[in-house]
Amino acid sequence: LASYRTGDNRTGSNTKLYRAAWTDIDVGKPGTYATQTEAIASLFDLC
């Protein structure tokens, strides 16, 4: 999700630029939402 200074490695110290923030929501696992619909509703409520 970042661009990098060189193609040698994908590490945080080699990152160059970004163009987005993000979040990842799992569904159907213990402690997560039961459905994608439920996850999206909770996400939109956060926004």
All heavy atoms as atom14 arrays in JSON, in Angstrom:
{
  "sequence": "LASYRTGDNRTGSNTKLYRAAWTDIDVGKPGTYATQTEAIASLFDLC",
  "atom14_mask": [
    [1, 1, 1, 1, 1, 1, 1, 1, 0, 0, 0, 0, 0, 0],
    [1, 1, 1, 1, 1, 0, 0, 0, 0, 0, 0, 0, 0, 0],
    [1, 1, 1, 1, 1, 1, 0, 0, 0, 0, 0, 0, 0, 0],
    [1, 1, 1, 1, 1, 1, 1, 1, 1, 1, 1, 1, 0, 0],
    [1, 1, 1, 1, 1, 1, 1, 1, 1, 1, 1, 0, 0, 0],
    [1, 1, 1, 1, 1, 1, 1, 0, 0, 0, 0, 0, 0, 0],
    [1, 1, 1, 1, 0, 0, 0, 0, 0, 0, 0, 0, 0, 0],
    [1, 1, 1, 1, 1, 1, 1, 1, 0, 0, 0, 0, 0, 0],
    [1, 1, 1, 1, 1, 1, 1, 1, 0, 0, 0, 0, 0, 0],
    [1, 1, 1, 1, 1, 1, 1, 1, 1, 1, 1, 0, 0, 0],
    [1, 1, 1, 1, 1, 1, 1, 0, 0, 0, 0, 0, 0, 0],
    [1, 1, 1, 1, 0, 0, 0, 0, 0, 0, 0, 0, 0, 0],
    [1, 1, 1, 1, 1, 1, 0, 0, 0, 0, 0, 0, 0, 0],
    [1, 1, 1, 1, 1, 1, 1, 1, 0, 0, 0, 0, 0, 0],
    [1, 1, 1, 1, 1, 1, 1, 0, 0, 0, 0, 0, 0, 0],
    [1, 1, 1, 1, 1, 1, 1, 1, 1, 0, 0, 0, 0, 0],
    [1, 1, 1, 1, 1, 1, 1, 1, 0, 0, 0, 0, 0, 0],
    [1, 1, 1, 1, 1, 1, 1, 1, 1, 1, 1, 1, 0, 0],
    [1, 1, 1, 1, 1, 1, 1, 1, 1, 1, 1, 0, 0, 0],
    [1, 1, 1, 1, 1, 0, 0, 0, 0, 0, 0, 0, 0, 0],
    [1, 1, 1, 1, 1, 0, 0, 0, 0, 0, 0, 0, 0, 0],
    [1, 1, 1, 1, 1, 1, 1, 1, 1, 1, 1, 1, 1, 1],
    [1, 1, 1, 1, 1, 1, 1, 0, 0, 0, 0, 0, 0, 0],
    [1, 1, 1, 1, 1, 1, 1, 1, 0, 0, 0, 0, 0, 0],
    [1, 1, 1, 1, 1, 1, 1, 1, 0, 0, 0, 0, 0, 0],
    [1, 1, 1, 1, 1, 1, 1, 1, 0, 0, 0, 0, 0, 0],
    [1, 1, 1, 1, 1, 1, 1, 0, 0, 0, 0, 0, 0, 0],
    [1, 1, 1, 1, 0, 0, 0, 0, 0, 0, 0, 0, 0, 0],
    [1, 1, 1, 1, 1, 1, 1, 1, 1, 0, 0, 0, 0, 0],
    [1, 1, 1, 1, 1, 1, 1, 0, 0, 0, 0, 0, 0, 0],
    [1, 1, 1, 1, 0, 0, 0, 0, 0, 0, 0, 0, 0, 0],
    [1, 1, 1, 1, 1, 1, 1, 0, 0, 0, 0, 0, 0, 0],
    [1, 1, 1, 1, 1, 1, 1, 1, 1, 1, 1, 1, 0, 0],
    [1, 1, 1, 1, 1, 0, 0, 0, 0, 0, 0, 0, 0, 0],
    [1, 1, 1, 1, 1, 1, 1, 0, 0, 0, 0, 0, 0, 0],
    [1, 1, 1, 1, 1, 1, 1, 1, 1, 0, 0, 0, 0, 0],
    [1, 1, 1, 1, 1, 1, 1, 0, 0, 0, 0, 0, 0, 0],
    [1, 1, 1, 1, 1, 1, 1, 1, 1, 0, 0, 0, 0, 0],
    [1, 1, 1, 1, 1, 0, 0, 0, 0, 0, 0, 0, 0, 0],
    [1, 1, 1, 1, 1, 1, 1, 1, 0, 0, 0, 0, 0, 0],
    [1, 1, 1, 1, 1, 0, 0, 0, 0, 0, 0, 0, 0, 0],
    [1, 1, 1, 1, 1, 1, 0, 0, 0, 0, 0, 0, 0, 0],
    [1, 1, 1, 1, 1, 1, 1, 1, 0, 0, 0, 0, 0, 0],
    [1, 1, 1, 1, 1, 1, 1, 1, 1, 1, 1, 0, 0, 0],
    [1, 1, 1, 1, 1, 1, 1, 1, 0, 0, 0, 0, 0, 0],
    [1, 1, 1, 1, 1, 1, 1, 1, 0, 0, 0, 0, 0, 0],
    [1, 1, 1, 1, 1, 1, 0, 0, 0, 0, 0, 0, 0, 0]
  ],
  "atom14_positions": [
    [[0.8, -1.22, 0.0], [0.0, 0.0, 0.0], [0.83, 1.27, 0.0], [0.28, 2.37, -0.14], [-0.93, -0.01, 1.21], [-2.06, -1.03, 1.07], [-2.6, -1.44, 2.41], [-3.15, -0.45, 0.21], [0.0, 0.0, 0.0], [0.0, 0.0, 0.0], [0.0, 0.0, 0.0], [0.0, 0.0, 0.0], [0.0, 0.0, 0.0], [0.0, 0.0, 0.0]],
    [[2.14, 1.15, 0.15], [3.05, 2.28, 0.02], [3.82, 2.15, -1.28], [3.84, 1.09, -1.92], [4.03, 2.32, 1.19], [0.0, 0.0, 0.0], [0.0, 0.0, 0.0], [0.0, 0.0, 0.0], [0.0, 0.0, 0.0], [0.0, 0.0, 0.0], [0.0, 0.0, 0.0], [0.0, 0.0, 0.0], [0.0, 0.0, 0.0], [0.0, 0.0, 0.0]],
    [[4.48, 3.23, -1.69], [5.56, 3.09, -2.66], [6.87, 3.1, -1.89], [6.94, 3.54, -0.74], [5.53, 4.22, -3.7], [5.82, 5.47, -3.11], [0.0, 0.0, 0.0], [0.0, 0.0, 0.0], [0.0, 0.0, 0.0], [0.0, 0.0, 0.0], [0.0, 0.0, 0.0], [0.0, 0.0, 0.0], [0.0, 0.0, 0.0], [0.0, 0.0, 0.0]],
    [[7.93, 2.6, -2.55], [9.2, 2.38, -1.87], [10.34, 3.08, -2.6], [10.25, 3.37, -3.79], [9.47, 0.86, -1.78], [8.5, 0.19, -0.83], [7.2, -0.1, -1.22], [8.87, -0.11, 0.47], [6.3, -0.68, -0.35], [7.97, -0.69, 1.36], [6.69, -0.97, 0.94], [5.79, -1.53, 1.82], [0.0, 0.0, 0.0], [0.0, 0.0, 0.0]],
    [[11.39, 3.36, -1.85], [12.54, 4.05, -2.42], [13.29, 3.16, -3.4], [13.77, 3.61, -4.44], [13.48, 4.51, -1.31], [12.9, 5.57, -0.39], [13.95, 6.04, 0.62], [13.42, 7.1, 1.47], [12.79, 6.89, 2.63], [12.62, 5.64, 3.06], [12.33, 7.9, 3.35], [0.0, 0.0, 0.0], [0.0, 0.0, 0.0], [0.0, 0.0, 0.0]],
    [[13.43, 1.88, -3.05], [14.14, 0.93, -3.89], [13.32, -0.36, -3.99], [12.39, -0.58, -3.21], [15.53, 0.58, -3.3], [15.36, -0.25, -2.13], [16.3, 1.84, -2.93], [0.0, 0.0, 0.0], [0.0, 0.0, 0.0], [0.0, 0.0, 0.0], [0.0, 0.0, 0.0], [0.0, 0.0, 0.0], [0.0, 0.0, 0.0], [0.0, 0.0, 0.0]],
    [[13.71, -1.22, -4.92], [13.06, -2.51, -5.06], [13.73, -3.6, -4.28], [13.45, -4.79, -4.49], [0.0, 0.0, 0.0], [0.0, 0.0, 0.0], [0.0, 0.0, 0.0], [0.0, 0.0, 0.0], [0.0, 0.0, 0.0], [0.0, 0.0, 0.0], [0.0, 0.0, 0.0], [0.0, 0.0, 0.0], [0.0, 0.0, 0.0], [0.0, 0.0, 0.0]],
    [[14.62, -3.23, -3.36], [15.39, -4.22, -2.61], [14.57, -4.94, -1.55], [14.79, -6.12, -1.28], [16.6, -3.56, -1.94], [17.57, -2.97, -2.94], [17.61, -3.47, -4.08], [18.27, -2.01, -2.58], [0.0, 0.0, 0.0], [0.0, 0.0, 0.0], [0.0, 0.0, 0.0], [0.0, 0.0, 0.0], [0.0, 0.0, 0.0], [0.0, 0.0, 0.0]],
    [[13.64, -4.21, -0.9], [12.9, -4.83, 0.18], [11.61, -4.06, 0.44], [11.51, -2.88, 0.11], [13.73, -4.89, 1.47], [14.07, -3.5, 1.99], [13.28, -2.86, 2.68], [15.27, -3.02, 1.65], [0.0, 0.0, 0.0], [0.0, 0.0, 0.0], [0.0, 0.0, 0.0], [0.0, 0.0, 0.0], [0.0, 0.0, 0.0], [0.0, 0.0, 0.0]],
    [[10.64, -4.75, 1.03], [9.36, -4.14, 1.39], [9.3, -4.03, 2.91], [8.65, -4.8, 3.59], [8.2, -4.99, 0.85], [6.83, -4.35, 1.07], [5.71, -5.27, 0.59], [5.72, -6.56, 1.24], [5.24, -6.81, 2.46], [4.72, -5.84, 3.18], [5.29, -8.04, 2.96], [0.0, 0.0, 0.0], [0.0, 0.0, 0.0], [0.0, 0.0, 0.0]],
    [[10.02, -3.04, 3.42], [10.04, -2.81, 4.86], [9.63, -1.37, 5.14], [9.69, -0.5, 4.27], [11.45, -3.05, 5.44], [12.37, -2.15, 4.81], [11.89, -4.48, 5.21], [0.0, 0.0, 0.0], [0.0, 0.0, 0.0], [0.0, 0.0, 0.0], [0.0, 0.0, 0.0], [0.0, 0.0, 0.0], [0.0, 0.0, 0.0], [0.0, 0.0, 0.0]],
    [[9.23, -1.13, 6.38], [8.78, 0.21, 6.75], [9.86, 1.26, 6.57], [9.57, 2.4, 6.21], [0.0, 0.0, 0.0], [0.0, 0.0, 0.0], [0.0, 0.0, 0.0], [0.0, 0.0, 0.0], [0.0, 0.0, 0.0], [0.0, 0.0, 0.0], [0.0, 0.0, 0.0], [0.0, 0.0, 0.0], [0.0, 0.0, 0.0], [0.0, 0.0, 0.0]],
    [[11.12, 0.89, 6.78], [12.21, 1.86, 6.65], [12.49, 2.23, 5.2], [13.18, 3.23, 4.93], [13.48, 1.3, 7.29], [13.88, 0.1, 6.63], [0.0, 0.0, 0.0], [0.0, 0.0, 0.0], [0.0, 0.0, 0.0], [0.0, 0.0, 0.0], [0.0, 0.0, 0.0], [0.0, 0.0, 0.0], [0.0, 0.0, 0.0], [0.0, 0.0, 0.0]],
    [[11.95, 1.46, 4.25], [12.18, 1.72, 2.82], [10.99, 2.43, 2.16], [11.04, 2.73, 0.98], [12.47, 0.39, 2.1], [12.98, 0.59, 0.68], [13.66, 1.56, 0.37], [12.66, -0.35, -0.2], [0.0, 0.0, 0.0], [0.0, 0.0, 0.0], [0.0, 0.0, 0.0], [0.0, 0.0, 0.0], [0.0, 0.0, 0.0], [0.0, 0.0, 0.0]],
    [[9.93, 2.7, 2.92], [8.76, 3.32, 2.31], [9.07, 4.75, 1.87], [9.87, 5.45, 2.48], [7.56, 3.34, 3.28], [7.92, 4.04, 4.47], [7.11, 1.93, 3.6], [0.0, 0.0, 0.0], [0.0, 0.0, 0.0], [0.0, 0.0, 0.0], [0.0, 0.0, 0.0], [0.0, 0.0, 0.0], [0.0, 0.0, 0.0], [0.0, 0.0, 0.0]],
    [[8.4, 5.17, 0.8], [8.64, 6.5, 0.23], [7.42, 7.41, 0.37], [7.52, 8.52, 0.9], [9.03, 6.36, -1.24], [9.32, 7.69, -1.94], [9.82, 7.46, -3.36], [10.17, 8.79, -4.02], [10.77, 8.58, -5.37], [0.0, 0.0, 0.0], [0.0, 0.0, 0.0], [0.0, 0.0, 0.0], [0.0, 0.0, 0.0], [0.0, 0.0, 0.0]],
    [[6.27, 6.94, -0.12], [5.06, 7.77, -0.13], [3.83, 6.9, 0.08], [3.85, 5.69, -0.12], [4.93, 8.52, -1.47], [5.99, 9.57, -1.79], [5.9, 9.97, -3.26], [5.85, 10.79, -0.88], [0.0, 0.0, 0.0], [0.0, 0.0, 0.0], [0.0, 0.0, 0.0], [0.0, 0.0, 0.0], [0.0, 0.0, 0.0], [0.0, 0.0, 0.0]],
    [[2.72, 7.57, 0.43], [1.41, 6.94, 0.59], [0.36, 7.82, -0.09], [0.59, 9.0, -0.34], [1.04, 6.79, 2.07], [1.94, 5.88, 2.85], [3.15, 6.34, 3.35], [1.6, 4.56, 3.07], [4.0, 5.51, 4.06], [2.44, 3.72, 3.79], [3.64, 4.2, 4.28], [4.47, 3.37, 4.98], [0.0, 0.0, 0.0], [0.0, 0.0, 0.0]],
    [[-0.82, 7.2, -0.34], [-1.92, 7.99, -0.89], [-3.27, 7.61, -0.3], [-4.33, 8.01, -0.8], [-1.98, 7.89, -2.41], [-2.8, 9.01, -3.04], [-2.38, 9.28, -4.44], [-3.14, 10.39, -5.02], [-2.59, 11.39, -5.67], [-1.28, 11.46, -5.78], [-3.33, 12.32, -6.22], [0.0, 0.0, 0.0], [0.0, 0.0, 0.0], [0.0, 0.0, 0.0]],
    [[-3.24, 6.83, 0.78], [-4.5, 6.4, 1.39], [-4.26, 5.94, 2.82], [-3.15, 5.55, 3.19], [-5.14, 5.26, 0.58], [0.0, 0.0, 0.0], [0.0, 0.0, 0.0], [0.0, 0.0, 0.0], [0.0, 0.0, 0.0], [0.0, 0.0, 0.0], [0.0, 0.0, 0.0], [0.0, 0.0, 0.0], [0.0, 0.0, 0.0], [0.0, 0.0, 0.0]],
    [[-5.32, 5.97, 3.6], [-5.41, 5.26, 4.87], [-6.37, 4.1, 4.67], [-7.18, 4.11, 3.74], [-5.9, 6.18, 5.98], [0.0, 0.0, 0.0], [0.0, 0.0, 0.0], [0.0, 0.0, 0.0], [0.0, 0.0, 0.0], [0.0, 0.0, 0.0], [0.0, 0.0, 0.0], [0.0, 0.0, 0.0], [0.0, 0.0, 0.0], [0.0, 0.0, 0.0]],
    [[-6.3, 3.1, 5.54], [-7.11, 1.89, 5.3], [-7.44, 1.2, 6.61], [-6.83, 1.44, 7.65], [-6.34, 0.93, 4.39], [-5.0, 0.54, 4.92], [-4.71, -0.41, 5.86], [-3.73, 1.14, 4.57], [-3.36, -0.45, 6.1], [-2.74, 0.48, 5.34], [-3.36, 2.15, 3.68], [-1.39, 0.82, 5.23], [-2.02, 2.48, 3.58], [-1.05, 1.83, 4.35]],
    [[-8.42, 0.31, 6.51], [-8.72, -0.6, 7.61], [-9.21, -1.92, 7.04], [-9.79, -1.96, 5.94], [-9.75, 0.02, 8.59], [-9.75, -0.71, 9.8], [-11.14, 0.02, 7.99], [0.0, 0.0, 0.0], [0.0, 0.0, 0.0], [0.0, 0.0, 0.0], [0.0, 0.0, 0.0], [0.0, 0.0, 0.0], [0.0, 0.0, 0.0], [0.0, 0.0, 0.0]],
    [[-8.97, -3.0, 7.76], [-9.28, -4.36, 7.32], [-10.22, -4.98, 8.35], [-9.87, -5.08, 9.53], [-7.99, -5.16, 7.2], [-8.21, -6.6, 6.78], [-9.35, -6.97, 6.43], [-7.23, -7.38, 6.79], [0.0, 0.0, 0.0], [0.0, 0.0, 0.0], [0.0, 0.0, 0.0], [0.0, 0.0, 0.0], [0.0, 0.0, 0.0], [0.0, 0.0, 0.0]],
    [[-11.4, -5.41, 7.9], [-12.41, -5.97, 8.8], [-12.68, -7.42, 8.41], [-13.16, -7.7, 7.31], [-13.72, -5.16, 8.74], [-13.45, -3.67, 8.97], [-14.72, -5.69, 9.75], [-14.67, -2.79, 8.77], [0.0, 0.0, 0.0], [0.0, 0.0, 0.0], [0.0, 0.0, 0.0], [0.0, 0.0, 0.0], [0.0, 0.0, 0.0], [0.0, 0.0, 0.0]],
    [[-12.35, -8.34, 9.31], [-12.64, -9.75, 9.08], [-14.11, -10.04, 9.36], [-14.77, -9.34, 10.14], [-11.76, -10.64, 9.96], [-10.34, -10.73, 9.45], [-10.15, -10.63, 8.22], [-9.42, -10.9, 10.27], [0.0, 0.0, 0.0], [0.0, 0.0, 0.0], [0.0, 0.0, 0.0], [0.0, 0.0, 0.0], [0.0, 0.0, 0.0], [0.0, 0.0, 0.0]],
    [[-14.58, -11.11, 8.74], [-15.98, -11.52, 8.89], [-16.03, -13.03, 9.09], [-15.27, -13.78, 8.46], [-16.81, -11.13, 7.65], [-18.21, -11.75, 7.69], [-16.9, -9.61, 7.52], [0.0, 0.0, 0.0], [0.0, 0.0, 0.0], [0.0, 0.0, 0.0], [0.0, 0.0, 0.0], [0.0, 0.0, 0.0], [0.0, 0.0, 0.0], [0.0, 0.0, 0.0]],
    [[-16.9, -13.48, 10.0], [-17.13, -14.9, 10.16], [-16.14, -15.62, 11.05], [-16.18, -16.85, 11.15], [0.0, 0.0, 0.0], [0.0, 0.0, 0.0], [0.0, 0.0, 0.0], [0.0, 0.0, 0.0], [0.0, 0.0, 0.0], [0.0, 0.0, 0.0], [0.0, 0.0, 0.0], [0.0, 0.0, 0.0], [0.0, 0.0, 0.0], [0.0, 0.0, 0.0]],
    [[-15.25, -14.88, 11.71], [-14.32, -15.48, 12.65], [-14.72, -15.1, 14.07], [-15.46, -14.13, 14.26], [-12.89, -14.97, 12.37], [-12.36, -15.31, 11.0], [-10.96, -14.73, 10.81], [-10.4, -15.05, 9.44], [-9.05, -14.45, 9.24], [0.0, 0.0, 0.0], [0.0, 0.0, 0.0], [0.0, 0.0, 0.0], [0.0, 0.0, 0.0], [0.0, 0.0, 0.0]],
    [[-14.24, -15.83, 15.07], [-14.57, -15.46, 16.46], [-14.16, -14.02, 16.77], [-13.06, -13.6, 16.42], [-13.77, -16.48, 17.28], [-13.6, -17.64, 16.38], [-13.46, -17.08, 15.0], [0.0, 0.0, 0.0], [0.0, 0.0, 0.0], [0.0, 0.0, 0.0], [0.0, 0.0, 0.0], [0.0, 0.0, 0.0], [0.0, 0.0, 0.0], [0.0, 0.0, 0.0]],
    [[-15.07, -13.28, 17.39], [-14.78, -11.91, 17.75], [-14.93, -10.9, 16.64], [-14.59, -9.72, 16.82], [0.0, 0.0, 0.0], [0.0, 0.0, 0.0], [0.0, 0.0, 0.0], [0.0, 0.0, 0.0], [0.0, 0.0, 0.0], [0.0, 0.0, 0.0], [0.0, 0.0, 0.0], [0.0, 0.0, 0.0], [0.0, 0.0, 0.0], [0.0, 0.0, 0.0]],
    [[-15.43, -11.33, 15.47], [-15.63, -10.42, 14.35], [-17.12, -10.36, 14.02], [-17.96, -10.88, 14.75], [-14.84, -10.89, 13.12], [-15.4, -12.12, 12.6], [-13.37, -11.12, 13.46], [0.0, 0.0, 0.0], [0.0, 0.0, 0.0], [0.0, 0.0, 0.0], [0.0, 0.0, 0.0], [0.0, 0.0, 0.0], [0.0, 0.0, 0.0], [0.0, 0.0, 0.0]],
    [[-17.43, -9.71, 12.91], [-18.82, -9.6, 12.49], [-19.3, -10.89, 11.82], [-18.51, -11.62, 11.21], [-18.98, -8.43, 11.53], [-18.64, -7.11, 12.16], [-17.4, -6.51, 11.93], [-19.52, -6.45, 13.01], [-17.06, -5.31, 12.53], [-19.21, -5.25, 13.61], [-17.97, -4.68, 13.36], [-17.63, -3.49, 13.95], [0.0, 0.0, 0.0], [0.0, 0.0, 0.0]],
    [[-20.59, -11.14, 11.94], [-21.15, -12.37, 11.37], [-21.23, -12.31, 9.86], [-21.06, -13.32, 9.18], [-22.53, -12.64, 11.97], [0.0, 0.0, 0.0], [0.0, 0.0, 0.0], [0.0, 0.0, 0.0], [0.0, 0.0, 0.0], [0.0, 0.0, 0.0], [0.0, 0.0, 0.0], [0.0, 0.0, 0.0], [0.0, 0.0, 0.0], [0.0, 0.0, 0.0]],
    [[-21.5, -11.11, 9.31], [-21.68, -10.96, 7.88], [-20.97, -9.7, 7.4], [-20.67, -8.78, 8.18], [-23.17, -10.84, 7.5], [-23.7, -9.62, 8.05], [-23.95, -12.04, 8.03], [0.0, 0.0, 0.0], [0.0, 0.0, 0.0], [0.0, 0.0, 0.0], [0.0, 0.0, 0.0], [0.0, 0.0, 0.0], [0.0, 0.0, 0.0], [0.0, 0.0, 0.0]],
    [[-20.73, -9.62, 6.1], [-20.16, -8.41, 5.51], [-21.13, -7.24, 5.66], [-20.7, -6.1, 5.88], [-19.82, -8.64, 4.04], [-18.62, -9.55, 3.85], [-18.33, -9.83, 2.39], [-19.25, -10.02, 1.59], [-17.05, -9.88, 2.03], [0.0, 0.0, 0.0], [0.0, 0.0, 0.0], [0.0, 0.0, 0.0], [0.0, 0.0, 0.0], [0.0, 0.0, 0.0]],
    [[-22.41, -7.5, 5.55], [-23.41, -6.44, 5.7], [-23.31, -5.8, 7.08], [-23.36, -4.57, 7.22], [-24.83, -7.0, 5.48], [-24.92, -7.51, 4.14], [-25.88, -5.92, 5.68], [0.0, 0.0, 0.0], [0.0, 0.0, 0.0], [0.0, 0.0, 0.0], [0.0, 0.0, 0.0], [0.0, 0.0, 0.0], [0.0, 0.0, 0.0], [0.0, 0.0, 0.0]],
    [[-23.16, -6.62, 8.11], [-23.02, -6.1, 9.47], [-21.73, -5.31, 9.62], [-21.7, -4.25, 10.25], [-23.04, -7.27, 10.45], [-22.99, -6.85, 11.91], [-22.94, -8.03, 12.86], [-23.09, -9.19, 12.39], [-22.74, -7.81, 14.07], [0.0, 0.0, 0.0], [0.0, 0.0, 0.0], [0.0, 0.0, 0.0], [0.0, 0.0, 0.0], [0.0, 0.0, 0.0]],
    [[-20.66, -5.79, 9.01], [-19.37, -5.09, 9.09], [-19.45, -3.73, 8.41], [-18.95, -2.73, 8.94], [-18.28, -5.94, 8.43], [0.0, 0.0, 0.0], [0.0, 0.0, 0.0], [0.0, 0.0, 0.0], [0.0, 0.0, 0.0], [0.0, 0.0, 0.0], [0.0, 0.0, 0.0], [0.0, 0.0, 0.0], [0.0, 0.0, 0.0], [0.0, 0.0, 0.0]],
    [[-20.08, -3.67, 7.25], [-20.19, -2.41, 6.52], [-21.05, -1.42, 7.28], [-20.74, -0.22, 7.35], [-20.73, -2.66, 5.1], [-19.7, -3.44, 4.27], [-21.1, -1.35, 4.41], [-20.23, -3.97, 2.96], [0.0, 0.0, 0.0], [0.0, 0.0, 0.0], [0.0, 0.0, 0.0], [0.0, 0.0, 0.0], [0.0, 0.0, 0.0], [0.0, 0.0, 0.0]],
    [[-22.14, -1.89, 7.88], [-23.0, -1.0, 8.67], [-22.23, -0.38, 9.83], [-22.35, 0.81, 10.11], [-24.22, -1.76, 9.17], [0.0, 0.0, 0.0], [0.0, 0.0, 0.0], [0.0, 0.0, 0.0], [0.0, 0.0, 0.0], [0.0, 0.0, 0.0], [0.0, 0.0, 0.0], [0.0, 0.0, 0.0], [0.0, 0.0, 0.0], [0.0, 0.0, 0.0]],
    [[-21.41, -1.18, 10.49], [-20.61, -0.67, 11.61], [-19.55, 0.31, 11.13], [-19.29, 1.34, 11.76], [-19.96, -1.84, 12.35], [-19.3, -1.4, 13.51], [0.0, 0.0, 0.0], [0.0, 0.0, 0.0], [0.0, 0.0, 0.0], [0.0, 0.0, 0.0], [0.0, 0.0, 0.0], [0.0, 0.0, 0.0], [0.0, 0.0, 0.0], [0.0, 0.0, 0.0]],
    [[-18.95, 0.02, 9.99], [-17.96, 0.91, 9.39], [-18.58, 2.26, 9.04], [-18.02, 3.32, 9.34], [-17.37, 0.26, 8.14], [-16.45, 1.11, 7.29], [-15.16, 1.44, 8.03], [-16.15, 0.4, 5.97], [0.0, 0.0, 0.0], [0.0, 0.0, 0.0], [0.0, 0.0, 0.0], [0.0, 0.0, 0.0], [0.0, 0.0, 0.0], [0.0, 0.0, 0.0]],
    [[-19.75, 2.24, 8.4], [-20.4, 3.5, 8.01], [-20.83, 4.29, 9.24], [-20.79, 5.52, 9.24], [-21.6, 3.21, 7.13], [-21.25, 2.94, 5.69], [-19.99, 2.46, 5.34], [-22.16, 3.14, 4.68], [-19.65, 2.2, 4.02], [-21.83, 2.9, 3.35], [-20.57, 2.42, 3.02], [0.0, 0.0, 0.0], [0.0, 0.0, 0.0], [0.0, 0.0, 0.0]],
    [[-21.2, 3.59, 10.29], [-21.54, 4.28, 11.54], [-20.32, 4.99, 12.1], [-20.42, 6.12, 12.6], [-22.1, 3.29, 12.55], [-22.47, 3.95, 13.87], [-23.41, 4.77, 13.88], [-21.81, 3.66, 14.88], [0.0, 0.0, 0.0], [0.0, 0.0, 0.0], [0.0, 0.0, 0.0], [0.0, 0.0, 0.0], [0.0, 0.0, 0.0], [0.0, 0.0, 0.0]],
    [[-19.15, 4.34, 12.05], [-17.91, 4.97, 12.47], [-17.66, 6.25, 11.68], [-17.32, 7.3, 12.25], [-16.74, 4.01, 12.28], [-15.33, 4.62, 12.44], [-14.99, 4.79, 13.91], [-14.28, 3.75, 11.74], [0.0, 0.0, 0.0], [0.0, 0.0, 0.0], [0.0, 0.0, 0.0], [0.0, 0.0, 0.0], [0.0, 0.0, 0.0], [0.0, 0.0, 0.0]],
    [[-17.85, 6.18, 10.37], [-17.58, 7.34, 9.51], [-18.52, 8.5, 9.85], [-18.07, 9.64, 10.0], [-17.72, 6.97, 8.04], [-16.43, 5.85, 7.45], [0.0, 0.0, 0.0], [0.0, 0.0, 0.0], [0.0, 0.0, 0.0], [0.0, 0.0, 0.0], [0.0, 0.0, 0.0], [0.0, 0.0, 0.0], [0.0, 0.0, 0.0], [0.0, 0.0, 0.0]]
  ]
}
